[in-house]
């Protein structure tokens, strides 16, 4: 994952900083070789893996996260999440012919700066009985592997989840257009925890009309 804070996807500075997903415990999930006959075992492994990543994220935010002059709220124990939901593990298609695919683009960020990125295409998938598209951007994880960075907002943004949106990442391959889009791995940019981070905003077209009840929730209780 990346800190796309991209700056922060990393939850640190990642040059993708923000969209960094490492510290956040967002690692690549290799599901190859899991046939239908291993479906039950695969599900167990997936849940165990995601829960382990969430534990790692809690450890990172409690013990290692740079709050950049801010202080964590009293009683803070790490990110908060929706329950794991298999229905939000989706198979998407990367539309490499979508308008703007391959072009350099500029995304606004939380500090007023601009982030230069390259558009990979649109991820096309079904959710809530309808087809949706999310623009994905090319990036790399901390090991140098190609990734798709997908900043998005949905109908929970500003209510149950961070108002400026969340980030999602998925492996990018030249030889296939199939992409596993697991919204259970959606995470908050670092600026959700400290406003000193520079985090790219999701583009206007990446606003989903449905509630994505998966992944990270607001990290702190909303003030009354």
Protein backbone atom coordinates (compact mmCIF):
# COMPACT_ATOMS: atom_id res chain seq x y z
CA UNK A 1 0.00 0.00 0.00
CA UNK A 2 1.21 3.31 -0.15
CA UNK A 3 1.06 6.43 1.66
CA UNK A 4 -0.49 8.34 -0.67
CA UNK A 5 -0.74 10.65 1.71
CA UNK A 6 0.90 9.83 -1.17
CA UNK A 7 2.35 11.34 0.90
CA UNK A 8 1.02 9.48 3.08
CA UNK A 9 -0.33 6.45 1.83
CA UNK A 10 2.30 5.28 3.55
CA UNK A 11 1.33 6.50 6.60
CA UNK A 12 4.58 8.07 6.71
CA UNK A 13 6.23 9.75 4.08
CA UNK A 14 6.34 7.70 1.14
CA UNK A 15 6.70 9.74 -1.34
CA UNK A 16 3.64 8.24 -1.85
CA UNK A 17 3.52 9.21 1.30
CA UNK A 18 0.23 9.14 1.97
CA UNK A 19 -0.86 6.58 0.13
CA UNK A 20 1.46 4.43 1.73
CA UNK A 21 0.11 1.25 2.89
CA UNK A 22 2.84 -0.33 4.52
CA UNK A 23 2.80 0.99 7.85
CA UNK A 24 -0.78 0.69 7.78
CA UNK A 25 -0.37 -2.91 7.46
CA UNK A 26 -1.63 -2.99 3.95
CA UNK A 27 0.33 -5.70 2.29
CA UNK A 28 -0.28 -7.49 -0.96
CA UNK A 29 -2.52 -10.48 -0.69
CA UNK A 30 -1.49 -13.36 -2.85
CA UNK A 31 -4.57 -15.42 -3.52
CA UNK A 32 -3.15 -17.40 -6.41
CA UNK A 33 -3.51 -21.10 -6.26
CA UNK A 34 -6.59 -20.99 -4.12
CA UNK A 35 -9.17 -23.00 -5.99
CA UNK A 36 -12.81 -23.36 -5.15
CA UNK A 37 -12.13 -26.53 -3.27
CA UNK A 38 -10.09 -24.44 -0.86
CA UNK A 39 -12.70 -21.73 -0.47
CA UNK A 40 -13.24 -22.28 3.23
CA UNK A 41 -9.51 -22.39 3.92
CA UNK A 42 -8.98 -19.31 1.75
CA UNK A 43 -11.60 -17.36 3.68
CA UNK A 44 -9.99 -18.29 6.96
CA UNK A 45 -6.58 -17.20 5.70
CA UNK A 46 -7.96 -13.92 4.36
CA UNK A 47 -9.66 -13.00 7.60
CA UNK A 48 -6.65 -13.99 9.65
CA UNK A 49 -4.35 -11.97 7.41
CA UNK A 50 -6.48 -8.83 7.48
CA UNK A 51 -6.93 -9.05 11.24
CA UNK A 52 -3.16 -9.40 11.61
CA UNK A 53 -2.63 -6.32 9.45
CA UNK A 54 -5.07 -4.40 11.61
CA UNK A 55 -3.13 -5.36 14.70
CA UNK A 56 0.07 -4.17 13.03
CA UNK A 57 -1.60 -0.88 12.11
CA UNK A 58 -2.68 -0.37 15.72
CA UNK A 59 0.88 -0.98 16.88
CA UNK A 60 2.22 1.45 14.30
CA UNK A 61 -0.15 4.28 15.16
CA UNK A 62 0.18 3.86 18.90
CA UNK A 63 3.96 3.42 19.05
CA UNK A 64 5.56 4.76 15.85
CA UNK A 65 3.33 7.24 14.02
CA UNK A 66 4.71 10.77 13.74
CA UNK A 67 1.85 13.00 14.88
CA UNK A 68 3.78 16.06 13.66
CA UNK A 69 3.17 18.22 16.69
CA UNK A 70 -0.26 16.80 17.45
CA UNK A 71 -1.16 14.58 20.37
CA UNK A 72 -3.26 11.43 20.06
CA UNK A 73 -6.60 11.64 21.89
CA UNK A 74 -6.78 10.15 25.35
CA UNK A 75 -7.47 6.44 25.16
CA UNK A 76 -6.44 6.17 21.49
CA UNK A 77 -5.71 2.53 20.63
CA UNK A 78 -5.36 2.73 16.85
CA UNK A 79 -7.59 2.86 13.79
CA UNK A 80 -11.24 1.79 13.95
CA UNK A 81 -12.80 -0.51 11.35
CA UNK A 82 -16.02 -1.94 10.01
CA UNK A 83 -16.41 -5.68 10.51
CA UNK A 84 -14.83 -7.78 7.75
CA UNK A 85 -17.27 -8.33 4.91
CA UNK A 86 -16.68 -10.78 2.06
CA UNK A 87 -19.21 -8.89 -0.06
CA UNK A 88 -16.76 -6.01 -0.34
CA UNK A 89 -14.04 -8.18 -1.86
CA UNK A 90 -14.76 -7.38 -5.48
CA UNK A 91 -13.31 -8.31 -8.84
CA UNK A 92 -12.84 -5.21 -10.95
CA UNK A 93 -11.79 -4.67 -14.56
CA UNK A 94 -9.14 -2.10 -15.39
CA UNK A 95 -10.41 -0.10 -18.36
CA UNK A 96 -7.17 1.02 -19.97
CA UNK A 97 -9.11 2.83 -22.70
CA UNK A 98 -10.95 5.15 -20.32
CA UNK A 99 -10.67 8.85 -20.99
CA UNK A 100 -7.35 10.16 -19.69
CA UNK A 101 -5.75 6.73 -19.21
CA UNK A 102 -1.98 7.04 -19.45
CA UNK A 103 -2.02 10.82 -19.01
CA UNK A 104 -0.24 12.75 -16.26
CA UNK A 105 -2.69 14.41 -13.89
CA UNK A 106 -2.57 16.77 -10.94
CA UNK A 107 -4.45 16.10 -7.71
CA UNK A 108 -5.14 18.73 -5.08
CA UNK A 109 -3.99 17.91 -1.56
CA UNK A 110 -5.01 18.70 2.00
CA UNK A 111 -2.28 21.33 2.42
CA UNK A 112 -3.03 23.16 -0.81
CA UNK A 113 -0.13 21.66 -2.70
CA UNK A 114 -0.46 19.75 -5.96
CA UNK A 115 0.48 16.13 -6.50
CA UNK A 116 1.61 14.90 -9.89
CA UNK A 117 0.40 11.42 -10.77
CA UNK A 118 -0.24 9.20 -13.79
CA UNK A 119 -3.71 7.93 -14.56
CA UNK A 120 -3.81 4.17 -15.16
CA UNK A 121 -7.46 3.92 -16.22
CA UNK A 122 -10.82 3.24 -14.60
CA UNK A 123 -11.58 0.32 -12.33
CA UNK A 124 -15.03 -0.96 -13.29
CA UNK A 125 -17.00 -3.07 -10.81
CA UNK A 126 -20.47 -3.82 -9.52
CA UNK A 127 -21.73 -2.93 -6.04
CA UNK A 128 -25.19 -2.24 -4.68
CA UNK A 129 -26.80 -3.55 -7.85
CA UNK A 130 -25.11 -1.05 -10.15
CA UNK A 131 -21.89 -0.61 -12.10
CA UNK A 132 -19.36 1.88 -10.77
CA UNK A 133 -16.05 3.34 -11.89
CA UNK A 134 -13.09 4.62 -9.90
CA UNK A 135 -10.09 6.29 -11.51
CA UNK A 136 -6.87 4.54 -10.51
CA UNK A 137 -3.35 5.97 -10.54
CA UNK A 138 -0.02 4.23 -11.05
CA UNK A 139 2.32 4.14 -8.10
CA UNK A 140 4.81 1.80 -6.44
CA UNK A 141 4.95 0.25 -3.01
CA UNK A 142 7.98 0.50 -0.76
CA UNK A 143 9.53 -2.56 -2.42
CA UNK A 144 9.19 -1.02 -5.87
CA UNK A 145 6.29 -3.15 -7.12
CA UNK A 146 3.74 -1.47 -9.39
CA UNK A 147 0.48 -0.66 -7.67
CA UNK A 148 -2.83 1.02 -8.37
CA UNK A 149 -3.67 3.87 -6.01
CA UNK A 150 -7.41 4.49 -5.69
CA UNK A 151 -8.52 7.47 -3.60
CA UNK A 152 -12.29 7.54 -3.16
CA UNK A 153 -15.24 8.95 -1.25
CA UNK A 154 -18.58 7.22 -0.68
CA UNK A 155 -21.90 7.77 1.04
CA UNK A 156 -20.31 7.24 4.47
CA UNK A 157 -17.71 10.01 4.00
CA UNK A 158 -18.06 12.68 6.65
CA UNK A 159 -20.38 10.48 8.66
CA UNK A 160 -18.93 7.12 9.61
CA UNK A 161 -15.70 7.58 7.66
CA UNK A 162 -13.18 10.37 7.08
CA UNK A 163 -14.81 13.24 5.23
CA UNK A 164 -12.01 13.79 2.73
CA UNK A 165 -12.11 10.16 1.65
CA UNK A 166 -10.12 6.99 2.01
CA UNK A 167 -7.44 5.19 0.01
CA UNK A 168 -7.29 1.74 -1.50
CA UNK A 169 -4.47 0.00 -3.31
CA UNK A 170 -4.22 -3.05 -5.51
CA UNK A 171 -1.39 -4.74 -7.44
CA UNK A 172 -0.96 -3.60 -11.04
CA UNK A 173 -0.05 -6.06 -13.80
CA UNK A 174 0.61 -5.43 -17.49
CA UNK A 175 -0.73 -8.81 -18.58
CA UNK A 176 -4.22 -8.77 -17.05
CA UNK A 177 -7.07 -6.32 -16.61
CA UNK A 178 -8.55 -8.20 -13.64
CA UNK A 179 -8.01 -6.46 -10.33
CA UNK A 180 -9.04 -7.64 -6.88
CA UNK A 181 -10.52 -4.63 -5.15
CA UNK A 182 -10.88 -5.37 -1.45
CA UNK A 183 -12.59 -2.47 0.29
CA UNK A 184 -11.91 -4.14 3.63
CA UNK A 185 -8.39 -2.79 3.11
CA UNK A 186 -9.53 0.82 2.58
CA UNK A 187 -7.57 3.06 4.90
CA UNK A 188 -7.46 6.65 6.04
CA UNK A 189 -4.82 9.07 4.79
CA UNK A 190 -2.38 10.21 7.45
CA UNK A 191 -4.03 13.64 7.51
CA UNK A 192 -7.02 11.96 9.18
CA UNK A 193 -4.74 11.59 12.19
CA UNK A 194 -2.65 14.77 11.88
CA UNK A 195 -3.46 17.75 9.61
CA UNK A 196 0.26 18.39 9.12
CA UNK A 197 0.41 15.65 6.47
CA UNK A 198 -0.05 16.39 2.80
CA UNK A 199 -2.70 14.04 1.40
CA UNK A 200 -4.13 13.90 -2.14
CA UNK A 201 -7.88 14.37 -2.36
CA UNK A 202 -9.96 11.91 -4.38
CA UNK A 203 -10.92 13.43 -7.74
CA UNK A 204 -14.60 14.41 -8.20
CA UNK A 205 -15.36 11.34 -10.32
CA UNK A 206 -14.25 9.02 -7.48
CA UNK A 207 -17.32 9.66 -5.34
CA UNK A 208 -19.37 6.47 -4.97
CA UNK A 209 -23.11 6.90 -4.39
CA UNK A 210 -23.25 3.77 -2.21
CA UNK A 211 -22.20 3.21 1.40
CA UNK A 212 -18.94 1.30 1.56
CA UNK A 213 -19.33 -0.29 4.98
CA UNK A 214 -15.86 -1.81 4.91
CA UNK A 215 -12.36 -0.73 5.83
CA UNK A 216 -11.38 2.07 8.20
CA UNK A 217 -13.85 4.26 10.01
CA UNK A 218 -13.26 7.69 11.49
CA UNK A 219 -10.21 7.36 13.75
CA UNK A 220 -11.71 9.46 16.55
CA UNK A 221 -15.17 10.25 17.81
CA UNK A 222 -16.72 13.23 16.05
CA UNK A 223 -16.94 16.30 18.30
CA UNK A 224 -20.43 17.23 19.50
